[in-house]
Protein backbone atom coordinates (compact mmCIF):
# COMPACT_ATOMS: atom_id res chain seq x y z
CA MET A 1 49.51 -19.45 10.52
CA GLN A 2 46.91 -16.91 9.44
CA ASN A 3 46.99 -14.47 6.56
CA ARG A 4 46.50 -10.85 7.55
CA LYS A 5 42.90 -9.87 6.95
CA ASP A 6 43.36 -6.10 7.31
CA ASP A 7 45.60 -5.76 4.24
CA PRO A 8 43.81 -5.94 0.89
CA ARG A 9 47.06 -6.36 -1.06
CA ASP A 10 47.66 -9.83 -2.46
CA VAL A 11 50.99 -11.51 -1.75
CA VAL A 12 52.97 -13.44 -4.34
CA VAL A 13 55.84 -15.64 -3.15
CA VAL A 14 58.57 -16.58 -5.64
CA THR A 15 61.41 -18.88 -4.64
CA GLY A 16 64.45 -18.43 -6.83
CA ALA A 17 66.08 -15.12 -7.71
CA GLY A 18 67.78 -16.36 -10.88
CA GLY A 19 66.79 -15.33 -14.38
CA MET A 20 63.49 -17.22 -14.64
CA GLY A 21 62.45 -16.59 -11.03
CA THR A 22 63.07 -12.87 -11.51
CA ALA A 23 61.07 -12.88 -14.76
CA VAL A 24 58.16 -14.61 -12.98
CA ALA A 25 58.41 -12.09 -10.14
CA ARG A 26 58.18 -9.19 -12.61
CA ARG A 27 55.22 -10.77 -14.38
CA LEU A 28 53.18 -11.60 -11.27
CA GLY A 29 54.37 -8.94 -8.82
CA SER A 30 52.80 -5.81 -10.27
CA GLY A 31 50.23 -4.37 -7.86
CA ARG A 32 50.97 -7.06 -5.28
CA THR A 33 53.34 -7.52 -2.38
CA LEU A 34 56.16 -9.64 -3.74
CA ILE A 35 58.16 -11.96 -1.50
CA LEU A 36 61.31 -13.20 -3.19
CA ALA A 37 63.29 -16.05 -1.63
CA ASP A 38 66.70 -17.46 -2.52
CA HIS A 39 69.57 -19.19 -0.73
CA SER A 40 72.10 -16.72 -2.18
CA ARG A 41 71.92 -13.55 -0.09
CA GLU A 42 74.06 -11.63 -2.62
CA ARG A 43 71.81 -12.49 -5.57
CA LEU A 44 68.68 -11.91 -3.49
CA ASP A 45 69.81 -8.44 -2.41
CA GLN A 46 70.71 -7.51 -6.00
CA VAL A 47 67.35 -8.59 -7.45
CA VAL A 48 65.35 -6.99 -4.61
CA ALA A 49 67.20 -3.70 -5.26
CA GLU A 50 66.44 -3.92 -9.00
CA LEU A 51 62.76 -4.71 -8.48
CA SER A 52 62.40 -1.97 -5.85
CA ALA A 53 63.93 0.54 -8.26
CA GLU A 54 61.36 -0.56 -10.85
CA GLY A 55 58.53 0.19 -8.42
CA TYR A 56 57.70 -3.26 -7.08
CA ALA A 57 56.73 -3.70 -3.43
CA VAL A 58 59.25 -6.45 -2.77
CA ARG A 59 60.87 -8.07 0.23
CA GLY A 60 63.74 -10.56 0.08
CA VAL A 61 63.83 -13.53 2.42
CA PRO A 62 66.96 -15.71 2.53
CA THR A 63 65.64 -19.26 2.31
CA ASP A 64 67.13 -22.74 2.02
CA VAL A 65 64.30 -24.87 0.65
CA SER A 66 66.09 -28.04 1.79
CA ASP A 67 65.63 -26.88 5.40
CA ARG A 68 62.10 -27.21 6.82
CA ALA A 69 62.57 -24.46 9.42
CA SER A 70 63.75 -22.06 6.73
CA VAL A 71 60.68 -22.76 4.59
CA GLU A 72 58.37 -22.43 7.59
CA GLU A 73 59.90 -19.03 8.36
CA LEU A 74 59.34 -17.97 4.73
CA ALA A 75 55.70 -19.04 5.00
CA ARG A 76 55.22 -17.19 8.29
CA LEU A 77 56.80 -13.96 7.02
CA SER A 78 54.81 -14.16 3.79
CA ALA A 79 51.49 -14.66 5.58
CA GLU A 80 52.20 -11.61 7.75
CA GLN A 81 52.32 -9.43 4.62
CA GLY A 82 48.75 -10.11 3.47
CA ARG A 83 46.70 -12.71 1.63
CA ILE A 84 48.92 -15.21 -0.19
CA THR A 85 47.46 -15.68 -3.65
CA ALA A 86 50.34 -17.41 -5.45
CA VAL A 87 53.46 -19.37 -4.63
CA VAL A 88 55.90 -20.08 -7.45
CA ARG A 89 58.75 -22.48 -6.84
CA TRP A 90 61.42 -22.10 -9.47
CA CYS A 91 64.23 -24.63 -9.45
CA THR A 92 67.34 -24.24 -11.54
CA PRO A 93 70.24 -26.63 -11.84
CA PRO A 94 73.47 -25.92 -10.03
CA GLU A 95 76.34 -24.21 -11.79
CA SER A 96 78.26 -27.47 -11.86
CA PRO A 97 77.28 -30.15 -14.42
CA PRO A 98 74.96 -33.00 -13.39
CA ARG A 99 76.38 -36.31 -12.23
CA ARG A 100 75.57 -39.64 -13.82
CA PRO A 101 73.45 -41.94 -11.65
CA ARG A 102 75.12 -44.94 -10.04
CA SER A 103 73.06 -47.40 -12.04
CA ALA A 104 74.10 -47.66 -15.68
CA GLU A 105 70.60 -48.88 -16.56
CA SER A 106 68.99 -45.70 -15.34
CA SER A 107 68.61 -42.88 -17.81
CA THR A 108 67.85 -40.39 -15.05
CA TRP A 109 70.39 -37.65 -14.38
CA THR A 110 70.80 -36.38 -10.86
CA CYS A 111 72.27 -33.19 -9.58
CA SER A 112 73.03 -31.77 -6.18
CA ALA A 113 71.29 -28.43 -5.86
CA ARG A 114 69.30 -26.37 -3.46
CA CYS A 115 66.18 -25.97 -5.53
CA MET A 116 64.74 -22.53 -5.34
């Protein structure tokens, strides 16, 4: 996979179109091509529309980060847009509460989520 050399615009990739991912996209996306990825197509479309209306050069890519092929496609599409200068992976917990681990001795909480 090669970055496009003929496009001087830097590319920023942000995975996660929730509140923090969107805030990061706004902060880093100005003057750059912004690639926003999320597993929720509805949320992705909404945030891409908002950012586009605000003047950002943004493209939404539906991505399931738990699926290697999906992540590889995100990387390929991003590299086609220009020189990738930043990748921000933002992971938020699921909407359901975390589950206790099986071991009572462990203080680690686990949750089932597609991290974005």
